[in-house]
Amino acid sequence: MQTAPAAAVSTPGPRPTFEPRIEYGVASVGDLRVELEECDDSRSRAPKVAAVYVNDEPLRPSGRFWTSFFMRFGIGKSVFNYFDHAEVFERLAARSPSDRLRFAVERNEQGAGSLLAVSNPTKAVVKHDDLRELLHRYDGDRVTYHNGVVESHHAPRVGHRFHVSGDAFANRFVVRTPVDGFGQPNIYLSLLREVCSNGMIGEAPAFRSQLALGKGDDEVTYTLSRALDGFNNDEGYAALRQRFESAAESWASVHEAAGLYNLLAKLTGGGGSGSNGGGPSNFGTDGASADGLFERRDLGTHLLKRFHQTTGDVTRLYGLANADALSAKRQKTLPVKCKVYDLLNFATEVATHHAGPAHARRLHAWAGELVSGEYDLEGTADQYGDFQDFFVNDDAAKPTDNPEA
């Protein structure tokens, strides 16, 4: 028996806040210098960077910093295999002495800074304070921040609900807004499964729209507010609904199930330790971590066990010693004991309730790629019964005060 549906839209909570704090500045390439880590590995051609000094302040460089830096000057990271960082910065400064960089710094509660992206000062940037005000005005739901990007969930102005296999769904859309100046805001179509509040984000080009912000002095909040106020995409929502209806009528293949299993195995095996060495950082609502999917390693084992219960043991189903003995082509023709719809609900449940922002995006990307193409066994299920409300959510998936218990 299904439980009572959860509310389609969360009631507006307190004013959304973004932690940590984001600061902005402008510098030239000549203002940058690098401190390298000591490395005893003679096989490493490019030394690791311990800190980038901006105006004599040491900052920890992020992946977004290096990606944006390479794109800004049209070079690749392999340049550091042949030239040291100081030489590269000096040559760039000599060739473009008047070239300026806008940079963004992410600061934690202790004031330590992480260097986010660099960008052209003449380009528009969404400041995090302005975005906070905007999302508060439009009742942004489930607002999260990770690595220079703010994600918020919204209901379209003209709401629409529909049912797939007895489950009620509501149309939603997700806005991902860079607040470090690197990239444009993207809007993704999303569906909310009301019985368990799972949110599926269509992370595929077919379900994505990009907002152009204009130039530096343009009013960027107007573009965002217009999108939040009047966004609708009937054609896109209809396509997404059709793919979910088809998923409920299609057996999942061994290949599709293996793809999700391999992703879950990578995420749950992350582990890692927080900044103080005492445990993972960026915990989610149900024991999630940005480094490993769960706070405790045994919860990852529990998740994979539940996944096997959902799909069935492929080795026993087909009398194999190892599922890898099947070729990829053969895997696409053999079903497991669940529908594609179950795989989508499993992935979105983990992404919504158990994963940190970074891992949730990878799970949504897997789901978006799956629904944007044809399923391996499209339309092969003649009938379908009741689908589970929850796959993972029980006491074993909750964090405890004693991780060793």
Protein backbone atom coordinates (compact mmCIF):
# COMPACT_ATOMS: atom_id res chain seq x y z
CA MET A 1 0.00 0.00 0.00
CA GLN A 2 1.33 3.40 -0.93
CA THR A 3 1.83 6.06 1.68
CA ALA A 4 0.11 9.42 1.47
CA PRO A 5 1.75 11.69 -1.10
CA ALA A 6 4.16 14.26 0.22
CA ALA A 7 3.56 17.91 -0.51
CA ALA A 8 4.51 18.85 -4.03
CA VAL A 9 6.25 22.05 -2.95
CA SER A 10 8.03 22.54 0.33
CA THR A 11 6.70 25.39 2.43
CA PRO A 12 8.99 28.41 2.22
CA GLY A 13 11.57 28.04 4.95
CA PRO A 14 14.00 30.54 6.37
CA ARG A 15 15.90 32.85 4.12
CA PRO A 16 18.35 30.71 2.09
CA THR A 17 21.99 31.21 2.99
CA PHE A 18 25.05 30.13 1.10
CA GLU A 19 28.00 28.86 3.01
CA PRO A 20 30.82 29.55 2.71
CA ARG A 21 31.16 33.26 1.88
CA ILE A 22 32.13 34.37 -1.66
CA GLU A 23 34.37 37.38 -2.26
CA TYR A 24 35.41 39.00 -5.54
CA GLY A 25 38.44 40.91 -6.73
CA VAL A 26 40.42 41.95 -9.81
CA ALA A 27 44.10 41.26 -10.44
CA SER A 28 46.57 40.80 -13.27
CA VAL A 29 48.49 37.65 -14.12
CA GLY A 30 51.59 39.31 -12.73
CA ASP A 31 49.91 39.40 -9.31
CA LEU A 32 49.78 35.59 -9.21
CA ARG A 33 52.50 33.33 -7.92
CA VAL A 34 52.51 29.66 -7.03
CA GLU A 35 53.78 27.63 -4.09
CA LEU A 36 54.53 24.01 -4.99
CA GLU A 37 54.29 20.90 -2.87
CA GLU A 38 57.38 18.87 -2.19
CA CYS A 39 57.20 15.72 -4.29
CA ASP A 40 59.53 12.73 -4.04
CA ASP A 41 57.96 10.99 -7.03
CA SER A 42 60.41 11.41 -9.90
CA ARG A 43 57.82 10.06 -12.35
CA SER A 44 55.60 13.11 -11.88
CA ARG A 45 56.34 15.63 -14.65
CA ALA A 46 54.06 18.40 -13.40
CA PRO A 47 54.53 19.39 -9.73
CA LYS A 48 51.47 19.74 -7.53
CA VAL A 49 50.40 23.22 -6.49
CA ALA A 50 50.00 23.80 -2.75
CA ALA A 51 48.73 27.39 -2.99
CA VAL A 52 48.25 30.24 -5.43
CA TYR A 53 49.16 33.65 -4.02
CA VAL A 54 46.88 36.49 -5.12
CA ASN A 55 48.08 39.88 -3.91
CA ASP A 56 50.35 38.00 -1.47
CA GLU A 57 47.49 35.99 0.07
CA PRO A 58 47.80 32.17 -0.14
CA LEU A 59 44.67 30.52 -1.56
CA ARG A 60 43.95 26.87 -2.28
CA PRO A 61 43.28 26.52 -6.04
CA SER A 62 40.16 24.61 -7.09
CA GLY A 63 39.58 22.65 -10.26
CA ARG A 64 37.37 25.48 -11.52
CA PHE A 65 40.27 27.91 -11.15
CA TRP A 66 42.59 25.91 -13.39
CA THR A 67 39.86 25.11 -15.94
CA SER A 68 38.84 28.77 -16.22
CA PHE A 69 42.48 29.93 -16.28
CA PHE A 70 43.32 27.60 -19.18
CA MET A 71 40.22 28.71 -21.11
CA ARG A 72 40.91 32.38 -20.41
CA PHE A 73 44.36 32.24 -22.03
CA GLY A 74 43.83 29.41 -24.52
CA ILE A 75 46.44 27.05 -23.07
CA GLY A 76 46.33 23.49 -21.75
CA LYS A 77 47.48 22.01 -18.46
CA SER A 78 50.25 20.12 -20.25
CA VAL A 79 52.16 23.41 -20.55
CA PHE A 80 53.32 22.89 -16.95
CA ASN A 81 55.03 19.66 -18.03
CA TYR A 82 57.58 21.80 -19.90
CA PHE A 83 57.58 25.18 -18.14
CA ASP A 84 57.29 26.01 -14.46
CA HIS A 85 54.38 28.07 -13.21
CA ALA A 86 56.41 31.22 -12.61
CA GLU A 87 57.69 31.20 -16.19
CA VAL A 88 54.19 30.70 -17.63
CA PHE A 89 52.75 33.53 -15.54
CA GLU A 90 55.64 35.83 -16.46
CA ARG A 91 55.22 35.15 -20.19
CA LEU A 92 51.47 35.73 -20.04
CA ALA A 93 52.00 38.98 -18.13
CA ALA A 94 54.63 40.14 -20.64
CA ARG A 95 52.43 39.38 -23.65
CA SER A 96 49.28 40.91 -22.13
CA PRO A 97 50.41 43.51 -19.56
CA SER A 98 47.00 45.21 -19.48
CA ASP A 99 44.98 41.99 -19.24
CA ARG A 100 42.99 41.82 -16.00
CA LEU A 101 41.34 38.88 -14.26
CA ARG A 102 38.29 38.88 -12.05
CA PHE A 103 38.62 36.18 -9.40
CA ALA A 104 36.27 34.71 -6.81
CA VAL A 105 37.34 33.40 -3.40
CA GLU A 106 35.34 30.97 -1.30
CA ARG A 107 35.94 31.40 2.43
CA ASN A 108 35.03 29.00 5.20
CA GLU A 109 34.11 29.84 8.78
CA GLN A 110 37.77 30.13 9.75
CA GLY A 111 38.43 32.60 6.93
CA ALA A 112 40.61 30.25 4.88
CA GLY A 113 40.20 30.89 1.17
CA SER A 114 39.74 28.63 -1.83
CA LEU A 115 40.35 30.19 -5.24
CA LEU A 116 37.40 29.57 -7.54
CA ALA A 117 37.18 30.63 -11.18
CA VAL A 118 38.78 33.57 -12.95
CA SER A 119 36.92 35.43 -15.68
CA ASN A 120 36.97 38.52 -17.87
CA PRO A 121 35.97 41.58 -15.81
CA THR A 122 33.87 42.83 -18.74
CA LYS A 123 31.59 39.78 -18.55
CA ALA A 124 28.52 39.72 -16.34
CA VAL A 125 28.63 37.75 -13.10
CA VAL A 126 25.85 36.77 -10.72
CA LYS A 127 26.93 37.87 -7.24
CA HIS A 128 25.92 35.50 -4.49
CA ASP A 129 24.31 38.25 -2.39
CA ASP A 130 22.09 39.27 -5.31
CA LEU A 131 21.17 35.65 -5.97
CA ARG A 132 20.29 35.12 -2.31
CA GLU A 133 17.83 38.01 -2.45
CA LEU A 134 16.34 36.74 -5.70
CA LEU A 135 15.82 33.17 -4.51
CA HIS A 136 14.26 34.40 -1.30
CA ARG A 137 11.82 36.51 -3.30
CA TYR A 138 10.85 33.56 -5.52
CA ASP A 139 10.73 30.97 -2.70
CA GLY A 140 13.62 28.88 -4.00
CA ASP A 141 13.39 25.35 -2.62
CA ARG A 142 16.26 23.01 -1.66
CA VAL A 143 18.93 25.64 -2.26
CA THR A 144 22.43 24.14 -2.15
CA TYR A 145 25.91 25.45 -2.86
CA HIS A 146 28.89 23.45 -4.11
CA ASN A 147 32.15 24.51 -5.72
CA GLY A 148 31.07 27.91 -7.01
CA VAL A 149 27.59 26.87 -8.20
CA VAL A 150 24.24 27.43 -6.49
CA GLU A 151 21.42 25.00 -7.25
CA SER A 152 17.77 25.83 -6.55
CA HIS A 153 14.50 24.01 -7.25
CA HIS A 154 11.35 25.77 -8.45
CA ALA A 155 7.79 25.09 -9.56
CA PRO A 156 6.76 26.45 -12.98
CA ARG A 157 4.17 29.18 -13.01
CA VAL A 158 1.64 26.88 -14.67
CA GLY A 159 1.89 23.72 -12.59
CA HIS A 160 0.96 20.33 -13.97
CA ARG A 161 0.58 16.95 -12.27
CA PHE A 162 0.29 13.55 -13.89
CA HIS A 163 0.47 9.88 -12.95
CA VAL A 164 2.80 7.11 -14.05
CA SER A 165 2.03 3.59 -12.80
CA GLY A 166 -0.01 5.00 -9.94
CA ASP A 167 2.68 7.46 -8.83
CA ALA A 168 1.87 11.18 -8.86
CA PHE A 169 4.46 13.45 -10.47
CA ALA A 170 4.69 17.23 -10.59
CA ASN A 171 6.63 19.39 -13.03
CA ARG A 172 9.59 21.27 -11.59
CA PHE A 173 12.70 22.97 -12.92
CA VAL A 174 16.17 23.37 -11.46
CA VAL A 175 18.41 26.42 -11.90
CA ARG A 176 22.17 26.05 -11.53
CA THR A 177 23.83 29.43 -11.28
CA PRO A 178 27.61 29.94 -11.17
CA VAL A 179 28.47 32.66 -8.67
CA ASP A 180 32.18 32.78 -9.53
CA GLY A 181 31.78 34.18 -13.06
CA PHE A 182 32.65 30.98 -14.93
CA GLY A 183 29.83 29.80 -17.18
CA GLN A 184 26.19 30.75 -17.63
CA PRO A 185 23.13 29.76 -15.56
CA ASN A 186 21.45 26.59 -16.80
CA ILE A 187 17.82 25.55 -16.36
CA TYR A 188 17.02 21.82 -16.28
CA LEU A 189 13.59 20.26 -16.48
CA SER A 190 12.80 18.21 -13.41
CA LEU A 191 10.07 15.90 -12.12
CA LEU A 192 9.06 15.45 -8.49
CA ARG A 193 7.77 12.01 -7.47
CA GLU A 194 5.40 13.09 -4.73
CA VAL A 195 5.11 9.85 -2.75
CA CYS A 196 8.74 10.05 -1.64
CA SER A 197 9.77 13.57 -2.73
CA ASN A 198 12.38 12.19 -5.14
CA GLY A 199 13.47 14.79 -7.66
CA MET A 200 14.68 13.70 -11.09
CA ILE A 201 16.71 16.32 -12.99
CA GLY A 202 16.93 15.91 -16.76
CA GLU A 203 20.66 16.53 -17.11
CA ALA A 204 20.83 16.14 -20.86
CA PRO A 205 20.99 18.69 -23.69
CA ALA A 206 17.39 17.85 -24.65
CA PHE A 207 16.12 19.06 -21.26
CA ARG A 208 18.47 22.01 -20.68
CA SER A 209 18.16 25.73 -21.39
CA GLN A 210 20.95 28.28 -20.97
CA LEU A 211 20.49 31.90 -19.92
CA ALA A 212 22.61 34.64 -21.51
CA LEU A 213 23.62 37.24 -18.93
CA GLY A 214 24.98 39.94 -21.22
CA LYS A 215 27.98 42.15 -20.40
CA GLY A 216 29.51 43.39 -17.18
CA ASP A 217 27.27 46.36 -16.45
CA ASP A 218 24.02 44.65 -17.48
CA GLU A 219 21.42 43.90 -14.82
CA VAL A 220 21.82 40.13 -14.55
CA THR A 221 19.11 39.66 -11.93
CA TYR A 222 16.50 40.80 -14.46
CA THR A 223 17.34 37.86 -16.72
CA LEU A 224 17.11 35.43 -13.82
CA SER A 225 13.93 36.91 -12.38
CA ARG A 226 12.22 36.77 -15.77
CA ALA A 227 13.15 33.07 -16.08
CA LEU A 228 11.99 32.25 -12.55
CA ASP A 229 8.75 34.16 -13.00
CA GLY A 230 7.64 32.83 -16.37
CA PHE A 231 9.57 29.64 -17.18
CA ASN A 232 7.60 26.91 -18.90
CA ASN A 233 8.45 24.26 -21.47
CA ASP A 234 5.36 22.23 -22.34
CA GLU A 235 7.10 20.35 -25.13
CA GLY A 236 10.04 19.39 -22.92
CA TYR A 237 7.82 18.28 -20.04
CA ALA A 238 5.71 16.20 -22.43
CA ALA A 239 8.85 14.47 -23.72
CA LEU A 240 10.09 13.81 -20.19
CA ARG A 241 6.71 12.41 -19.18
CA GLN A 242 6.64 10.11 -22.22
CA ARG A 243 10.07 8.73 -21.34
CA PHE A 244 8.94 7.95 -17.78
CA GLU A 245 5.78 6.25 -19.04
CA SER A 246 7.92 4.16 -21.38
CA ALA A 247 10.33 3.37 -18.53
CA ALA A 248 7.44 1.83 -16.58
CA GLU A 249 6.73 -0.46 -19.54
CA SER A 250 10.33 -1.50 -20.26
CA TRP A 251 12.39 -4.15 -18.53
CA ALA A 252 15.80 -2.91 -17.46
CA SER A 253 18.67 -4.65 -19.21
CA VAL A 254 21.77 -6.08 -17.57
CA HIS A 255 23.74 -3.33 -19.32
CA GLU A 256 21.58 -0.52 -17.86
CA ALA A 257 21.60 -2.04 -14.37
CA ALA A 258 25.37 -2.54 -14.51
CA GLY A 259 25.85 1.11 -15.49
CA LEU A 260 24.03 2.34 -12.39
CA TYR A 261 25.70 -0.26 -10.16
CA ASN A 262 29.18 0.76 -11.32
CA LEU A 263 28.40 4.42 -10.63
CA LEU A 264 27.04 3.63 -7.16
CA ALA A 265 30.09 1.49 -6.40
CA LYS A 266 32.41 4.37 -7.33
CA LEU A 267 30.49 6.87 -5.22
CA THR A 268 30.12 4.69 -2.14
CA GLY A 269 33.78 3.76 -2.26
CA GLY A 270 34.86 7.41 -2.00
CA GLY A 271 35.16 7.62 1.78
CA GLY A 272 37.69 10.35 2.44
CA SER A 273 38.14 12.60 5.43
CA GLY A 274 37.07 16.09 6.21
CA SER A 275 39.23 19.12 6.72
CA ASN A 276 39.96 18.08 10.31
CA GLY A 277 40.64 14.46 9.44
CA GLY A 278 37.71 13.29 11.53
CA GLY A 279 35.28 12.30 8.82
CA PRO A 280 33.75 13.24 5.48
CA SER A 281 32.74 16.83 4.81
CA ASN A 282 29.52 18.35 3.44
CA PHE A 283 27.06 15.90 4.96
CA GLY A 284 23.59 15.80 3.42
CA THR A 285 20.26 15.31 5.12
CA ASP A 286 20.48 11.53 5.52
CA GLY A 287 24.14 10.89 6.21
CA ALA A 288 25.47 12.03 2.85
CA SER A 289 29.00 13.16 2.17
CA ALA A 290 30.56 15.05 -0.71
CA ASP A 291 33.61 12.76 -0.59
CA GLY A 292 31.95 9.39 -0.07
CA LEU A 293 28.26 8.81 -0.63
CA PHE A 294 27.63 7.83 2.99
CA GLU A 295 29.05 8.87 6.32
CA ARG A 296 29.88 5.26 7.20
CA ARG A 297 31.39 2.72 4.83
CA ASP A 298 28.89 0.02 5.92
CA LEU A 299 26.05 2.19 4.60
CA GLY A 300 27.56 1.90 1.13
CA THR A 301 27.45 -1.88 1.50
CA HIS A 302 23.81 -1.60 2.58
CA LEU A 303 22.99 0.49 -0.49
CA LEU A 304 24.57 -1.98 -2.92
CA LYS A 305 22.79 -4.85 -1.18
CA ARG A 306 19.47 -3.07 -1.69
CA PHE A 307 20.36 -2.52 -5.32
CA HIS A 308 20.95 -6.25 -5.81
CA GLN A 309 17.62 -6.98 -4.16
CA THR A 310 15.96 -4.65 -6.66
CA THR A 311 17.61 -6.02 -9.80
CA GLY A 312 18.16 -9.64 -8.77
CA ASP A 313 21.46 -11.50 -8.86
CA VAL A 314 22.46 -11.61 -12.52
CA THR A 315 24.93 -14.44 -11.99
CA ARG A 316 22.18 -16.65 -10.55
CA LEU A 317 19.61 -15.54 -13.10
CA TYR A 318 21.77 -16.61 -16.02
CA GLY A 319 24.05 -19.21 -14.41
CA LEU A 320 27.25 -17.21 -14.73
CA ALA A 321 30.34 -17.15 -12.58
CA ASN A 322 30.80 -13.46 -13.41
CA ALA A 323 28.46 -11.03 -15.17
CA ASP A 324 31.47 -9.53 -16.97
CA ALA A 325 31.61 -12.73 -19.01
CA LEU A 326 28.71 -11.30 -21.04
CA SER A 327 29.59 -8.97 -23.89
CA ALA A 328 28.13 -5.46 -23.86
CA LYS A 329 25.93 -6.37 -26.82
CA ARG A 330 24.59 -9.44 -25.02
CA GLN A 331 24.00 -7.47 -21.81
CA LYS A 332 21.68 -5.13 -23.71
CA THR A 333 19.39 -8.03 -24.67
CA LEU A 334 19.03 -9.68 -21.24
CA PRO A 335 16.57 -8.30 -18.65
CA VAL A 336 16.97 -8.06 -14.89
CA LYS A 337 14.13 -8.36 -12.37
CA CYS A 338 13.04 -4.73 -12.45
CA LYS A 339 11.89 -2.07 -14.88
CA VAL A 340 13.84 0.94 -16.08
CA TYR A 341 11.40 2.95 -13.95
CA ASP A 342 12.77 1.21 -10.83
CA LEU A 343 16.34 2.11 -11.77
CA LEU A 344 15.36 5.75 -12.25
CA ASN A 345 13.57 5.85 -8.90
CA PHE A 346 16.50 4.16 -7.16
CA ALA A 347 19.02 6.63 -8.59
CA THR A 348 16.90 9.70 -7.85
CA GLU A 349 16.14 8.51 -4.31
CA VAL A 350 19.84 8.22 -3.55
CA ALA A 351 20.55 11.57 -5.22
CA THR A 352 17.74 13.37 -3.39
CA HIS A 353 17.97 11.89 0.11
CA HIS A 354 21.45 10.44 0.57
CA ALA A 355 24.04 12.06 -1.71
CA GLY A 356 25.97 15.29 -1.39
CA PRO A 357 25.74 17.88 -4.20
CA ALA A 358 28.68 16.59 -6.26
CA HIS A 359 27.54 12.96 -6.25
CA ALA A 360 23.88 13.90 -6.72
CA ARG A 361 24.78 15.65 -9.97
CA ARG A 362 26.53 12.54 -11.26
CA LEU A 363 23.48 10.41 -10.45
CA HIS A 364 21.15 12.90 -12.13
CA ALA A 365 23.46 12.97 -15.15
CA TRP A 366 23.19 9.18 -15.40
CA ALA A 367 19.39 9.35 -15.20
CA GLY A 368 19.21 12.21 -17.72
CA GLU A 369 21.37 10.34 -20.21
CA LEU A 370 19.24 7.22 -19.78
CA VAL A 371 15.86 8.89 -20.38
CA SER A 372 17.11 10.99 -23.31
CA GLY A 373 17.85 7.88 -25.38
CA GLU A 374 16.04 4.67 -26.26
CA TYR A 375 15.99 1.98 -23.58
CA ASP A 376 17.66 -1.31 -24.43
CA LEU A 377 14.41 -3.27 -23.98
CA GLU A 378 11.94 -0.52 -24.84
CA GLY A 379 8.28 -1.51 -24.39
CA THR A 380 8.99 -5.15 -23.52
CA ALA A 381 6.86 -5.30 -20.34
CA ASP A 382 3.27 -6.29 -21.14
CA GLN A 383 2.02 -5.43 -17.67
CA TYR A 384 3.33 -3.78 -14.59
CA GLY A 385 2.34 -3.89 -10.94
CA ASP A 386 2.95 -1.72 -7.93
CA PHE A 387 6.31 -0.01 -7.71
CA GLN A 388 8.16 0.55 -4.46
CA ASP A 389 7.85 3.92 -2.73
CA PHE A 390 11.33 3.72 -1.20
CA PHE A 391 14.31 1.51 -2.03
CA VAL A 392 16.96 2.56 0.49
CA ASN A 393 15.21 4.54 3.20
CA ASP A 394 15.24 2.52 6.41
CA ASP A 395 17.00 2.64 9.76
CA ALA A 396 20.24 1.24 8.36
CA ALA A 397 20.64 4.27 6.13
CA LYS A 398 20.48 6.76 8.97
CA PRO A 399 23.63 8.17 10.60
CA THR A 400 24.25 7.18 14.20
CA ASP A 401 26.11 8.82 17.04
CA ASN A 402 28.50 5.87 17.11
CA PRO A 403 29.97 5.22 13.63
CA GLU A 404 31.61 2.04 14.89
CA ALA A 405 28.28 0.53 15.92
